Amino acid sequence: MKKSTLIIIGIIFTAGLHAQTAKSKTPLVDPVTNCALRYYYYPNLEAYYDTKKNVYIFNQKGQWITAQEIPSGYRGYSLYNKVSVFITDYDDDDPVQFNKIHKKRFPYNSQGKFKNLTASVD
């Protein structure tokens, strides 16, 4: 009885590990552009979050910086107000080249509302 219980627990544990591994390796993909949904854009920061590398990309004194965290008080912004959008058609390593486009398409709005909820580089 103990042996069969241990086998069942082992199977459940192994299946759970496989499910977690499979989930973490599969990125979300935009069905229209076929690009991985890699970047969040924060309009009121004019900054990005790279979900692949788990870093923020933001402008500090004219230089684009990557860091694990946004500096406290950076532009008076809190990440918890959820003013962000996914960039849907770019998944390479340099999203800042499109910052002027994203800035125009997603202007700062203190209510966090956008007419268009996806960013397209065109």
PDB file of N, CA and C in Angstrom:
ATOM      1  N   MET A   1       0.822  -1.193   0.000  1.00  0.00           N
ATOM      2  CA  MET A   1       0.000   0.000   0.000  1.00  0.00           C
ATOM      3  C   MET A   1       0.867   1.258   0.000  1.00  0.00           C
ATOM      4  N   LYS A   2       1.908   1.292   0.851  1.00  0.00           N
ATOM      5  CA  LYS A   2       2.794   2.438   0.913  1.00  0.00           C
ATOM      6  C   LYS A   2       3.536   2.620  -0.409  1.00  0.00           C
ATOM      7  N   LYS A   3       3.911   1.499  -1.019  1.00  0.00           N
ATOM      8  CA  LYS A   3       4.667   1.558  -2.265  1.00  0.00           C
ATOM      9  C   LYS A   3       3.820   2.175  -3.383  1.00  0.00           C
ATOM     10  N   SER A   4       2.565   1.772  -3.487  1.00  0.00           N
ATOM     11  CA  SER A   4       1.699   2.317  -4.541  1.00  0.00           C
ATOM     12  C   SER A   4       1.400   3.804  -4.281  1.00  0.00           C
ATOM     13  N   THR A   5       1.266   4.189  -3.036  1.00  0.00           N
ATOM     14  CA  THR A   5       1.035   5.592  -2.706  1.00  0.00           C
ATOM     15  C   THR A   5       2.247   6.431  -3.106  1.00  0.00           C
ATOM     16  N   LEU A   6       3.445   5.928  -2.818  1.00  0.00           N
ATOM     17  CA  LEU A   6       4.660   6.638  -3.196  1.00  0.00           C
ATOM     18  C   LEU A   6       4.785   6.761  -4.712  1.00  0.00           C
ATOM     19  N   ILE A   7       4.409   5.724  -5.429  1.00  0.00           N
ATOM     20  CA  ILE A   7       4.477   5.768  -6.888  1.00  0.00           C
ATOM     21  C   ILE A   7       3.514   6.822  -7.431  1.00  0.00           C
ATOM     22  N   ILE A   8       2.304   6.873  -6.894  1.00  0.00           N
ATOM     23  CA  ILE A   8       1.310   7.849  -7.346  1.00  0.00           C
ATOM     24  C   ILE A   8       1.792   9.268  -7.050  1.00  0.00           C
ATOM     25  N   ILE A   9       2.333   9.492  -5.864  1.00  0.00           N
ATOM     26  CA  ILE A   9       2.856  10.815  -5.509  1.00  0.00           C
ATOM     27  C   ILE A   9       4.014  11.192  -6.443  1.00  0.00           C
ATOM     28  N   GLY A  10       4.868  10.240  -6.753  1.00  0.00           N
ATOM     29  CA  GLY A  10       5.986  10.482  -7.668  1.00  0.00           C
ATOM     30  C   GLY A  10       5.508  10.867  -9.058  1.00  0.00           C
ATOM     31  N   ILE A  11       4.471  10.184  -9.559  1.00  0.00           N
ATOM     32  CA  ILE A  11       3.929  10.496 -10.889  1.00  0.00           C
ATOM     33  C   ILE A  11       3.338  11.910 -10.901  1.00  0.00           C
ATOM     34  N   ILE A  12       2.571  12.240  -9.884  1.00  0.00           N
ATOM     35  CA  ILE A  12       1.966  13.573  -9.806  1.00  0.00           C
ATOM     36  C   ILE A  12       3.046  14.646  -9.732  1.00  0.00           C
ATOM     37  N   PHE A  13       4.070  14.418  -8.919  1.00  0.00           N
ATOM     38  CA  PHE A  13       5.158  15.380  -8.767  1.00  0.00           C
ATOM     39  C   PHE A  13       5.902  15.571 -10.088  1.00  0.00           C
ATOM     40  N   THR A  14       6.202  14.486 -10.784  1.00  0.00           N
ATOM     41  CA  THR A  14       6.905  14.557 -12.064  1.00  0.00           C
ATOM     42  C   THR A  14       6.065  15.280 -13.115  1.00  0.00           C
ATOM     43  N   ALA A  15       4.778  14.992 -13.161  1.00  0.00           N
ATOM     44  CA  ALA A  15       3.893  15.657 -14.118  1.00  0.00           C
ATOM     45  C   ALA A  15       3.820  17.159 -13.824  1.00  0.00           C
ATOM     46  N   GLY A  16       3.787  17.509 -12.556  1.00  0.00           N
ATOM     47  CA  GLY A  16       3.753  18.918 -12.178  1.00  0.00           C
ATOM     48  C   GLY A  16       5.020  19.645 -12.586  1.00  0.00           C
ATOM     49  N   LEU A  17       6.169  19.013 -12.415  1.00  0.00           N
ATOM     50  CA  LEU A  17       7.423  19.627 -12.836  1.00  0.00           C
ATOM     51  C   LEU A  17       7.463  19.822 -14.343  1.00  0.00           C
ATOM     52  N   HIS A  18       6.995  18.825 -15.084  1.00  0.00           N
ATOM     53  CA  HIS A  18       6.985  18.922 -16.546  1.00  0.00           C
ATOM     54  C   HIS A  18       6.073  20.059 -16.999  1.00  0.00           C
ATOM     55  N   ALA A  19       4.919  20.200 -16.374  1.00  0.00           N
ATOM     56  CA  ALA A  19       3.977  21.255 -16.743  1.00  0.00           C
ATOM     57  C   ALA A  19       4.580  22.632 -16.483  1.00  0.00           C
ATOM     58  N   GLN A  20       5.286  22.802 -15.365  1.00  0.00           N
ATOM     59  CA  GLN A  20       5.907  24.084 -15.049  1.00  0.00           C
ATOM     60  C   GLN A  20       7.018  24.390 -16.042  1.00  0.00           C
ATOM     61  N   THR A  21       7.815  23.396 -16.404  1.00  0.00           N
ATOM     62  CA  THR A  21       8.902  23.591 -17.352  1.00  0.00           C
ATOM     63  C   THR A  21       8.356  23.954 -18.724  1.00  0.00           C
ATOM     64  N   ALA A  22       7.348  23.240 -19.173  1.00  0.00           N
ATOM     65  CA  ALA A  22       6.766  23.512 -20.484  1.00  0.00           C
ATOM     66  C   ALA A  22       6.152  24.903 -20.521  1.00  0.00           C
ATOM     67  N   LYS A  23       5.521  25.321 -19.449  1.00  0.00           N
ATOM     68  CA  LYS A  23       4.874  26.630 -19.394  1.00  0.00           C
ATOM     69  C   LYS A  23       5.906  27.743 -19.479  1.00  0.00           C
ATOM     70  N   SER A  24       7.025  27.614 -18.800  1.00  0.00           N
ATOM     71  CA  SER A  24       8.011  28.680 -18.769  1.00  0.00           C
ATOM     72  C   SER A  24       8.793  28.795 -20.072  1.00  0.00           C
ATOM     73  N   LYS A  25       8.869  27.756 -20.884  1.00  0.00           N
ATOM     74  CA  LYS A  25       9.626  27.798 -22.124  1.00  0.00           C
ATOM     75  C   LYS A  25       8.801  28.289 -23.301  1.00  0.00           C
ATOM     76  N   THR A  26       7.501  28.374 -23.164  1.00  0.00           N
ATOM     77  CA  THR A  26       6.648  28.776 -24.265  1.00  0.00           C
ATOM     78  C   THR A  26       6.257  30.242 -24.112  1.00  0.00           C
ATOM     79  N   PRO A  27       6.853  31.140 -24.956  1.00  0.00           N
ATOM     80  CA  PRO A  27       6.474  32.552 -24.844  1.00  0.00           C
ATOM     81  C   PRO A  27       5.109  32.807 -25.472  1.00  0.00           C
ATOM     82  N   LEU A  28       4.440  33.847 -25.016  1.00  0.00           N
ATOM     83  CA  LEU A  28       3.204  34.269 -25.644  1.00  0.00           C
ATOM     84  C   LEU A  28       3.546  34.853 -27.013  1.00  0.00           C
ATOM     85  N   VAL A  29       2.717  34.556 -28.006  1.00  0.00           N
ATOM     86  CA  VAL A  29       2.975  35.032 -29.362  1.00  0.00           C
ATOM     87  C   VAL A  29       1.743  35.755 -29.885  1.00  0.00           C
ATOM     88  N   ASP A  30       1.958  36.900 -30.527  1.00  0.00           N
ATOM     89  CA  ASP A  30       0.852  37.625 -31.153  1.00  0.00           C
ATOM     90  C   ASP A  30       0.440  36.864 -32.414  1.00  0.00           C
ATOM     91  N   PRO A  31      -0.828  36.471 -32.526  1.00  0.00           N
ATOM     92  CA  PRO A  31      -1.255  35.664 -33.670  1.00  0.00           C
ATOM     93  C   PRO A  31      -1.217  36.427 -35.000  1.00  0.00           C
ATOM     94  N   VAL A  32      -1.287  37.741 -34.965  1.00  0.00           N
ATOM     95  CA  VAL A  32      -1.280  38.519 -36.206  1.00  0.00           C
ATOM     96  C   VAL A  32       0.141  38.718 -36.722  1.00  0.00           C
ATOM     97  N   THR A  33       1.054  39.139 -35.854  1.00  0.00           N
ATOM     98  CA  THR A  33       2.420  39.453 -36.271  1.00  0.00           C
ATOM     99  C   THR A  33       3.375  38.277 -36.118  1.00  0.00           C
ATOM    100  N   ASN A  34       2.963  37.271 -35.371  1.00  0.00           N
ATOM    101  CA  ASN A  34       3.785  36.089 -35.089  1.00  0.00           C
ATOM    102  C   ASN A  34       5.061  36.444 -34.319  1.00  0.00           C
ATOM    103  N   CYS A  35       5.019  37.525 -33.572  1.00  0.00           N
ATOM    104  CA  CYS A  35       6.145  37.944 -32.732  1.00  0.00           C
ATOM    105  C   CYS A  35       5.863  37.555 -31.287  1.00  0.00           C
ATOM    106  N   ALA A  36       6.919  37.173 -30.596  1.00  0.00           N
ATOM    107  CA  ALA A  36       6.782  36.899 -29.167  1.00  0.00           C
ATOM    108  C   ALA A  36       6.441  38.193 -28.450  1.00  0.00           C
ATOM    109  N   LEU A  37       5.566  38.119 -27.473  1.00  0.00           N
ATOM    110  CA  LEU A  37       5.216  39.294 -26.666  1.00  0.00           C
ATOM    111  C   LEU A  37       6.283  39.441 -25.595  1.00  0.00           C
ATOM    112  N   ARG A  38       7.325  40.142 -25.959  1.00  0.00           N
ATOM    113  CA  ARG A  38       8.517  40.225 -25.121  1.00  0.00           C
ATOM    114  C   ARG A  38       8.582  41.492 -24.280  1.00  0.00           C
ATOM    115  N   TYR A  39       8.101  42.616 -24.808  1.00  0.00           N
ATOM    116  CA  TYR A  39       8.283  43.896 -24.133  1.00  0.00           C
ATOM    117  C   TYR A  39       6.973  44.509 -23.671  1.00  0.00           C
ATOM    118  N   TYR A  40       7.007  45.047 -22.459  1.00  0.00           N
ATOM    119  CA  TYR A  40       5.976  45.958 -21.980  1.00  0.00           C
ATOM    120  C   TYR A  40       6.529  47.358 -22.201  1.00  0.00           C
ATOM    121  N   TYR A  41       5.665  48.282 -22.594  1.00  0.00           N
ATOM    122  CA  TYR A  41       6.054  49.686 -22.703  1.00  0.00           C
ATOM    123  C   TYR A  41       5.274  50.468 -21.657  1.00  0.00           C
ATOM    124  N   TYR A  42       5.976  51.289 -20.880  1.00  0.00           N
ATOM    125  CA  TYR A  42       5.366  52.128 -19.859  1.00  0.00           C
ATOM    126  C   TYR A  42       5.370  53.569 -20.373  1.00  0.00           C
ATOM    127  N   PRO A  43       4.212  54.054 -20.869  1.00  0.00           N
ATOM    128  CA  PRO A  43       4.169  55.382 -21.485  1.00  0.00           C
ATOM    129  C   PRO A  43       4.584  56.527 -20.566  1.00  0.00           C
ATOM    130  N   ASN A  44       4.193  56.495 -19.292  1.00  0.00           N
ATOM    131  CA  ASN A  44       4.549  57.606 -18.428  1.00  0.00           C
ATOM    132  C   ASN A  44       6.006  57.553 -17.975  1.00  0.00           C
ATOM    133  N   LEU A  45       6.673  56.473 -18.219  1.00  0.00           N
ATOM    134  CA  LEU A  45       8.111  56.389 -17.970  1.00  0.00           C
ATOM    135  C   LEU A  45       8.914  56.517 -19.251  1.00  0.00           C
ATOM    136  N   GLU A  46       8.248  56.246 -20.375  1.00  0.00           N
ATOM    137  CA  GLU A  46       8.942  56.059 -21.647  1.00  0.00           C
ATOM    138  C   GLU A  46      10.035  55.018 -21.450  1.00  0.00           C
ATOM    139  N   ALA A  47       9.625  53.890 -20.868  1.00  0.00           N
ATOM    140  CA  ALA A  47      10.549  52.811 -20.543  1.00  0.00           C
ATOM    141  C   ALA A  47       9.938  51.476 -20.961  1.00  0.00           C
ATOM    142  N   TYR A  48      10.775  50.452 -20.986  1.00  0.00           N
ATOM    143  CA  TYR A  48      10.359  49.118 -21.403  1.00  0.00           C
ATOM    144  C   TYR A  48      10.713  48.101 -20.327  1.00  0.00           C
ATOM    145  N   TYR A  49       9.982  47.002 -20.333  1.00  0.00           N
ATOM    146  CA  TYR A  49      10.353  45.860 -19.504  1.00  0.00           C
ATOM    147  C   TYR A  49      10.532  44.677 -20.441  1.00  0.00           C
ATOM    148  N   ASP A  50      11.700  44.062 -20.402  1.00  0.00           N
ATOM    149  CA  ASP A  50      12.028  42.912 -21.241  1.00  0.00           C
ATOM    150  C   ASP A  50      11.707  41.642 -20.459  1.00  0.00           C
ATOM    151  N   THR A  51      10.645  40.930 -20.870  1.00  0.00           N
ATOM    152  CA  THR A  51      10.226  39.729 -20.148  1.00  0.00           C
ATOM    153  C   THR A  51      11.187  38.562 -20.374  1.00  0.00           C
ATOM    154  N   LYS A  52      11.969  38.604 -21.427  1.00  0.00           N
ATOM    155  CA  LYS A  52      12.938  37.533 -21.703  1.00  0.00           C
ATOM    156  C   LYS A  52      14.155  37.644 -20.778  1.00  0.00           C
ATOM    157  N   LYS A  53      14.649  38.864 -20.611  1.00  0.00           N
ATOM    158  CA  LYS A  53      15.841  39.087 -19.784  1.00  0.00           C
ATOM    159  C   LYS A  53      15.512  39.552 -18.370  1.00  0.00           C
ATOM    160  N   ASN A  54      14.220  39.847 -18.110  1.00  0.00           N
ATOM    161  CA  ASN A  54      13.772  40.327 -16.802  1.00  0.00           C
ATOM    162  C   ASN A  54      14.489  41.595 -16.360  1.00  0.00           C
ATOM    163  N   VAL A  55      14.582  42.553 -17.284  1.00  0.00           N
ATOM    164  CA  VAL A  55      15.199  43.844 -16.971  1.00  0.00           C
ATOM    165  C   VAL A  55      14.331  44.974 -17.507  1.00  0.00           C
ATOM    166  N   TYR A  56      14.490  46.141 -16.896  1.00  0.00           N
ATOM    167  CA  TYR A  56      13.858  47.363 -17.371  1.00  0.00           C
ATOM    168  C   TYR A  56      14.857  48.106 -18.240  1.00  0.00           C
ATOM    169  N   ILE A  57      14.345  48.786 -19.254  1.00  0.00           N
ATOM    170  CA  ILE A  57      15.172  49.606 -20.130  1.00  0.00           C
ATOM    171  C   ILE A  57      14.593  51.014 -20.044  1.00  0.00           C
ATOM    172  N   PHE A  58      15.385  51.958 -19.573  1.00  0.00           N
ATOM    173  CA  PHE A  58      14.886  53.314 -19.376  1.00  0.00           C
ATOM    174  C   PHE A  58      15.988  54.329 -19.659  1.00  0.00           C
ATOM    175  N   ASN A  59      15.561  55.554 -19.934  1.00  0.00           N
ATOM    176  CA  ASN A  59      16.485  56.617 -20.282  1.00  0.00           C
ATOM    177  C   ASN A  59      16.865  57.393 -19.029  1.00  0.00           C
ATOM    178  N   GLN A  60      18.165  57.483 -18.820  1.00  0.00           N
ATOM    179  CA  GLN A  60      18.658  58.238 -17.662  1.00  0.00           C
ATOM    180  C   GLN A  60      19.766  59.168 -18.138  1.00  0.00           C
ATOM    181  N   LYS A  61      19.472  60.469 -18.099  1.00  0.00           N
ATOM    182  CA  LYS A  61      20.427  61.506 -18.522  1.00  0.00           C
ATOM    183  C   LYS A  61      20.898  61.286 -19.965  1.00  0.00           C
ATOM    184  N   GLY A  62      19.963  60.895 -20.841  1.00  0.00           N
ATOM    185  CA  GLY A  62      20.288  60.730 -22.258  1.00  0.00           C
ATOM    186  C   GLY A  62      20.856  59.375 -22.642  1.00  0.00           C
ATOM    187  N   GLN A  63      21.065  58.499 -21.694  1.00  0.00           N
ATOM    188  CA  GLN A  63      21.596  57.158 -21.961  1.00  0.00           C
ATOM    189  C   GLN A  63      20.539  56.107 -21.648  1.00  0.00           C
ATOM    190  N   TRP A  64      20.397  55.108 -22.508  1.00  0.00           N
ATOM    191  CA  TRP A  64      19.467  54.009 -22.230  1.00  0.00           C
ATOM    192  C   TRP A  64      20.162  53.010 -21.320  1.00  0.00           C
ATOM    193  N   ILE A  65      19.543  52.768 -20.177  1.00  0.00           N
ATOM    194  CA  ILE A  65      20.086  51.912 -19.122  1.00  0.00           C
ATOM    195  C   ILE A  65      19.238  50.651 -19.003  1.00  0.00           C
ATOM    196  N   THR A  66      19.869  49.514 -18.722  1.00  0.00           N
ATOM    197  CA  THR A  66      19.124  48.305 -18.361  1.00  0.00           C
ATOM    198  C   THR A  66      19.420  48.004 -16.903  1.00  0.00           C
ATOM    199  N   ALA A  67      18.371  47.674 -16.168  1.00  0.00           N
ATOM    200  CA  ALA A  67      18.530  47.389 -14.740  1.00  0.00           C
ATOM    201  C   ALA A  67      17.419  46.457 -14.278  1.00  0.00           C
ATOM    202  N   GLN A  68      17.647  45.783 -13.177  1.00  0.00           N
ATOM    203  CA  GLN A  68      16.662  44.874 -12.598  1.00  0.00           C
ATOM    204  C   GLN A  68      15.451  45.618 -12.050  1.00  0.00           C
ATOM    205  N   GLU A  69      15.649  46.890 -11.666  1.00  0.00           N
ATOM    206  CA  GLU A  69      14.580  47.699 -11.080  1.00  0.00           C
ATOM    207  C   GLU A  69      14.645  49.110 -11.631  1.00  0.00           C
ATOM    208  N   ILE A  70      13.486  49.760 -11.653  1.00  0.00           N
ATOM    209  CA  ILE A  70      13.432  51.187 -11.949  1.00  0.00           C
ATOM    210  C   ILE A  70      13.852  51.913 -10.664  1.00  0.00           C
ATOM    211  N   PRO A  71      14.719  52.927 -10.761  1.00  0.00           N
ATOM    212  CA  PRO A  71      15.119  53.654  -9.549  1.00  0.00           C
ATOM    213  C   PRO A  71      13.896  54.235  -8.832  1.00  0.00           C
ATOM    214  N   SER A  72      13.910  54.211  -7.513  1.00  0.00           N
ATOM    215  CA  SER A  72      12.769  54.735  -6.763  1.00  0.00           C
ATOM    216  C   SER A  72      12.578  56.218  -7.083  1.00  0.00           C
ATOM    217  N   GLY A  73      11.336  56.591  -7.293  1.00  0.00           N
ATOM    218  CA  GLY A  73      11.011  57.969  -7.614  1.00  0.00           C
ATOM    219  C   GLY A  73      11.299  58.366  -9.050  1.00  0.00           C
ATOM    220  N   TYR A  74      11.670  57.428  -9.906  1.00  0.00           N
ATOM    221  CA  TYR A  74      11.959  57.731 -11.309  1.00  0.00           C
ATOM    222  C   TYR A  74      10.726  58.334 -11.970  1.00  0.00           C
ATOM    223  N   ARG A  75      10.810  59.592 -12.320  1.00  0.00           N
ATOM    224  CA  ARG A  75       9.708  60.345 -12.924  1.00  0.00           C
ATOM    225  C   ARG A  75       8.426  60.286 -12.089  1.00  0.00           C
ATOM    226  N   GLY A  76       8.552  60.043 -10.813  1.00  0.00           N
ATOM    227  CA  GLY A  76       7.398  60.017  -9.925  1.00  0.00           C
ATOM    228  C   GLY A  76       6.413  58.909 -10.230  1.00  0.00           C
ATOM    229  N   TYR A  77       6.886  57.801 -10.757  1.00  0.00           N
ATOM    230  CA  TYR A  77       6.013  56.742 -11.260  1.00  0.00           C
ATOM    231  C   TYR A  77       6.007  55.527 -10.356  1.00  0.00           C
ATOM    232  N   SER A  78       4.857  54.900 -10.266  1.00  0.00           N
ATOM    233  CA  SER A  78       4.739  53.619  -9.568  1.00  0.00           C
ATOM    234  C   SER A  78       4.354  52.557 -10.582  1.00  0.00           C
ATOM    235  N   LEU A  79       5.087  51.464 -10.623  1.00  0.00           N
ATOM    236  CA  LEU A  79       4.779  50.379 -11.551  1.00  0.00           C
ATOM    237  C   LEU A  79       3.447  49.708 -11.220  1.00  0.00           C
ATOM    238  N   TYR A  80       2.973  49.909 -10.010  1.00  0.00           N
ATOM    239  CA  TYR A  80       1.762  49.222  -9.574  1.00  0.00           C
ATOM    240  C   TYR A  80       0.476  49.822 -10.110  1.00  0.00           C
ATOM    241  N   ASN A  81       0.538  50.987 -10.790  1.00  0.00           N
ATOM    242  CA  ASN A  81      -0.698  51.527 -11.340  1.00  0.00           C
ATOM    243  C   ASN A  81      -1.047  50.906 -12.695  1.00  0.00           C
ATOM    244  N   LYS A  82      -0.210  50.027 -13.184  1.00  0.00           N
ATOM    245  CA  LYS A  82      -0.473  49.185 -14.352  1.00  0.00           C
ATOM    246  C   LYS A  82      -0.733  49.957 -15.633  1.00  0.00           C
ATOM    247  N   VAL A  83      -0.061  51.055 -15.837  1.00  0.00           N
ATOM    248  CA  VAL A  83      -0.149  51.771 -17.092  1.00  0.00           C
ATOM    249  C   VAL A  83       0.954  51.217 -17.986  1.00  0.00           C
ATOM    250  N   SER A  84       0.608  50.184 -18.770  1.00  0.00           N
ATOM    251  CA  SER A  84       1.582  49.555 -19.653  1.00  0.00           C
ATOM    252  C   SER A  84       0.858  48.883 -20.812  1.00  0.00           C
ATOM    253  N   VAL A  85       1.598  48.659 -21.891  1.00  0.00           N
ATOM    254  CA  VAL A  85       1.068  47.952 -23.049  1.00  0.00           C
ATOM    255  C   VAL A  85       2.126  46.977 -23.557  1.00  0.00           C
ATOM    256  N   PHE A  86       1.675  45.894 -24.170  1.00  0.00           N
ATOM    257  CA  PHE A  86       2.594  44.969 -24.822  1.00  0.00           C
ATOM    258  C   PHE A  86       2.980  45.526 -26.183  1.00  0.00           C
ATOM    259  N   ILE A  87       4.220  45.379 -26.549  1.00  0.00           N
ATOM    260  CA  ILE A  87       4.670  45.667 -27.904  1.00  0.00           C
ATOM    261  C   ILE A  87       4.438  44.378 -28.682  1.00  0.00           C
ATOM    262  N   THR A  88       3.587  44.442 -29.696  1.00  0.00           N
ATOM    263  CA  THR A  88       3.124  43.205 -30.342  1.00  0.00           C
ATOM    264  C   THR A  88       3.864  42.814 -31.609  1.00  0.00           C
ATOM    265  N   ASP A  89       4.658  43.704 -32.178  1.00  0.00           N
ATOM    266  CA  ASP A  89       5.282  43.328 -33.441  1.00  0.00           C
ATOM    267  C   ASP A  89       6.797  43.523 -33.457  1.00  0.00           C
ATOM    268  N   TYR A  90       7.402  43.454 -32.297  1.00  0.00           N
ATOM    269  CA  TYR A  90       8.858  43.536 -32.221  1.00  0.00           C
ATOM    270  C   TYR A  90       9.323  42.658 -31.070  1.00  0.00           C
ATOM    271  N   ASP A  91      10.228  41.738 -31.359  1.00  0.00           N
ATOM    272  CA  ASP A  91      10.736  40.874 -30.292  1.00  0.00           C
ATOM    273  C   ASP A  91      12.251  40.688 -30.364  1.00  0.00           C
ATOM    274  N   ASP A  92      12.929  41.616 -31.015  1.00  0.00           N
ATOM    275  CA  ASP A  92      14.382  41.566 -31.092  1.00  0.00           C
ATOM    276  C   ASP A  92      14.970  42.267 -29.865  1.00  0.00           C
ATOM    277  N   ASP A  93      16.247  42.639 -29.923  1.00  0.00           N
ATOM    278  CA  ASP A  93      16.931  43.129 -28.720  1.00  0.00           C
ATOM    279  C   ASP A  93      16.985  44.642 -28.521  1.00  0.00           C
ATOM    280  N   ASP A  94      16.420  45.461 -29.414  1.00  0.00           N
ATOM    281  CA  ASP A  94      16.573  46.911 -29.291  1.00  0.00           C
ATOM    282  C   ASP A  94      15.252  47.657 -29.470  1.00  0.00           C
ATOM    283  N   PRO A  95      14.351  47.583 -28.492  1.00  0.00           N
ATOM    284  CA  PRO A  95      13.053  48.252 -28.655  1.00  0.00           C
ATOM    285  C   PRO A  95      13.149  49.770 -28.603  1.00  0.00           C
ATOM    286  N   VAL A  96      14.226  50.311 -28.034  1.00  0.00           N
ATOM    287  CA  VAL A  96      14.322  51.761 -27.875  1.00  0.00           C
ATOM    288  C   VAL A  96      14.437  52.482 -29.213  1.00  0.00           C
ATOM    289  N   GLN A  97      14.805  51.781 -30.278  1.00  0.00           N
ATOM    290  CA  GLN A  97      14.870  52.420 -31.583  1.00  0.00           C
ATOM    291  C   GLN A  97      13.489  52.895 -32.047  1.00  0.00           C
ATOM    292  N   PHE A  98      12.428  52.336 -31.462  1.00  0.00           N
ATOM    293  CA  PHE A  98      11.067  52.717 -31.806  1.00  0.00           C
ATOM    294  C   PHE A  98      10.412  53.585 -30.728  1.00  0.00           C
ATOM    295  N   ASN A  99      11.212  54.128 -29.833  1.00  0.00           N
ATOM    296  CA  ASN A  99      10.645  54.894 -28.726  1.00  0.00           C
ATOM    297  C   ASN A  99       9.827  56.089 -29.187  1.00  0.00           C
ATOM    298  N   LYS A 100      10.270  56.795 -30.217  1.00  0.00           N
ATOM    299  CA  LYS A 100       9.505  57.945 -30.717  1.00  0.00           C
ATOM    300  C   LYS A 100       8.139  57.506 -31.232  1.00  0.00           C
ATOM    301  N   ILE A 101       8.080  56.360 -31.892  1.00  0.00           N
ATOM    302  CA  ILE A 101       6.806  55.821 -32.402  1.00  0.00           C
ATOM    303  C   ILE A 101       5.907  55.440 -31.239  1.00  0.00           C
ATOM    304  N   HIS A 102       6.459  54.739 -30.258  1.00  0.00           N
ATOM    305  CA  HIS A 102       5.665  54.304 -29.101  1.00  0.00           C
ATOM    306  C   HIS A 102       5.190  55.509 -28.293  1.00  0.00           C
ATOM    307  N   LYS A 103       6.037  56.504 -28.174  1.00  0.00           N
ATOM    308  CA  LYS A 103       5.691  57.713 -27.438  1.00  0.00           C
ATOM    309  C   LYS A 103       4.506  58.428 -28.102  1.00  0.00           C
ATOM    310  N   LYS A 104       4.506  58.453 -29.422  1.00  0.00           N
ATOM    311  CA  LYS A 104       3.417  59.092 -30.165  1.00  0.00           C
ATOM    312  C   LYS A 104       2.144  58.243 -30.113  1.00  0.00           C
ATOM    313  N   ARG A 105       2.291  56.941 -30.273  1.00  0.00           N
ATOM    314  CA  ARG A 105       1.133  56.052 -30.309  1.00  0.00           C
ATOM    315  C   ARG A 105       0.497  55.869 -28.936  1.00  0.00           C
ATOM    316  N   PHE A 106       1.301  55.923 -27.888  1.00  0.00           N
ATOM    317  CA  PHE A 106       0.811  55.726 -26.521  1.00  0.00           C
ATOM    318  C   PHE A 106       1.234  56.897 -25.645  1.00  0.00           C
ATOM    319  N   PRO A 107       0.605  58.039 -25.828  1.00  0.00           N
ATOM    320  CA  PRO A 107       0.977  59.197 -25.005  1.00  0.00           C
ATOM    321  C   PRO A 107       0.618  58.967 -23.543  1.00  0.00           C
ATOM    322  N   TYR A 108       1.319  59.646 -22.673  1.00  0.00           N
ATOM    323  CA  TYR A 108       1.061  59.526 -21.238  1.00  0.00           C
ATOM    324  C   TYR A 108      -0.382  59.896 -20.934  1.00  0.00           C
ATOM    325  N   ASN A 109      -1.018  59.056 -20.147  1.00  0.00           N
ATOM    326  CA  ASN A 109      -2.400  59.277 -19.746  1.00  0.00           C
ATOM    327  C   ASN A 109      -2.512  58.822 -18.301  1.00  0.00           C
ATOM    328  N   SER A 110      -2.767  59.715 -17.393  1.00  0.00           N
ATOM    329  CA  SER A 110      -2.783  59.379 -15.969  1.00  0.00           C
ATOM    330  C   SER A 110      -3.879  58.395 -15.593  1.00  0.00           C
ATOM    331  N   GLN A 111      -4.921  58.238 -16.432  1.00  0.00           N
ATOM    332  CA  GLN A 111      -5.966  57.249 -16.139  1.00  0.00           C
ATOM    333  C   GLN A 111      -5.582  55.858 -16.641  1.00  0.00           C
ATOM    334  N   GLY A 112      -4.521  55.743 -17.421  1.00  0.00           N
ATOM    335  CA  GLY A 112      -4.090  54.446 -17.915  1.00  0.00           C
ATOM    336  C   GLY A 112      -4.964  53.903 -19.025  1.00  0.00           C
ATOM    337  N   LYS A 113      -5.653  54.782 -19.766  1.00  0.00           N
ATOM    338  CA  LYS A 113      -6.533  54.327 -20.840  1.00  0.00           C
ATOM    339  C   LYS A 113      -5.922  54.686 -22.189  1.00  0.00           C
ATOM    340  N   PHE A 114      -6.020  53.756 -23.128  1.00  0.00           N
ATOM    341  CA  PHE A 114      -5.498  53.955 -24.469  1.00  0.00           C
ATOM    342  C   PHE A 114      -6.567  53.624 -25.485  1.00  0.00           C
ATOM    343  N   LYS A 115      -6.546  54.317 -26.613  1.00  0.00           N
ATOM    344  CA  LYS A 115      -7.469  53.980 -27.694  1.00  0.00           C
ATOM    345  C   LYS A 115      -7.053  52.664 -28.324  1.00  0.00           C
ATOM    346  N   ASN A 116      -5.773  52.447 -28.460  1.00  0.00           N
ATOM    347  CA  ASN A 116      -5.233  51.234 -29.069  1.00  0.00           C
ATOM    348  C   ASN A 116      -4.400  50.529 -27.998  1.00  0.00           C
ATOM    349  N   LEU A 117      -4.687  49.279 -27.721  1.00  0.00           N
ATOM    350  CA  LEU A 117      -3.990  48.583 -26.628  1.00  0.00           C
ATOM    351  C   LEU A 117      -2.774  47.798 -27.061  1.00  0.00           C
ATOM    352  N   THR A 118      -2.386  47.865 -28.339  1.00  0.00           N
ATOM    353  CA  THR A 118      -1.195  47.169 -28.786  1.00  0.00           C
ATOM    354  C   THR A 118      -0.300  48.123 -29.547  1.00  0.00           C
ATOM    355  N   ALA A 119       0.985  47.904 -29.463  1.00  0.00           N
ATOM    356  CA  ALA A 119       1.933  48.748 -30.180  1.00  0.00           C
ATOM    357  C   ALA A 119       2.347  48.060 -31.455  1.00  0.00           C
ATOM    358  N   SER A 120       2.374  48.813 -32.531  1.00  0.00           N
ATOM    359  CA  SER A 120       2.784  48.295 -33.819  1.00  0.00           C
ATOM    360  C   SER A 120       3.847  49.220 -34.380  1.00  0.00           C
ATOM    361  N   VAL A 121       4.963  48.672 -34.826  1.00  0.00           N
ATOM    362  CA  VAL A 121       6.067  49.475 -35.312  1.00  0.00           C
ATOM    363  C   VAL A 121       5.811  49.955 -36.729  1.00  0.00           C
ATOM    364  N   ASP A 122       5.086  49.219 -37.534  1.00  0.00           N
ATOM    365  CA  ASP A 122       4.778  49.521 -38.939  1.00  0.00           C
ATOM    366  C   ASP A 122       6.025  49.647 -39.741  1.00  0.00           C
TER     367      ASP A 122
END
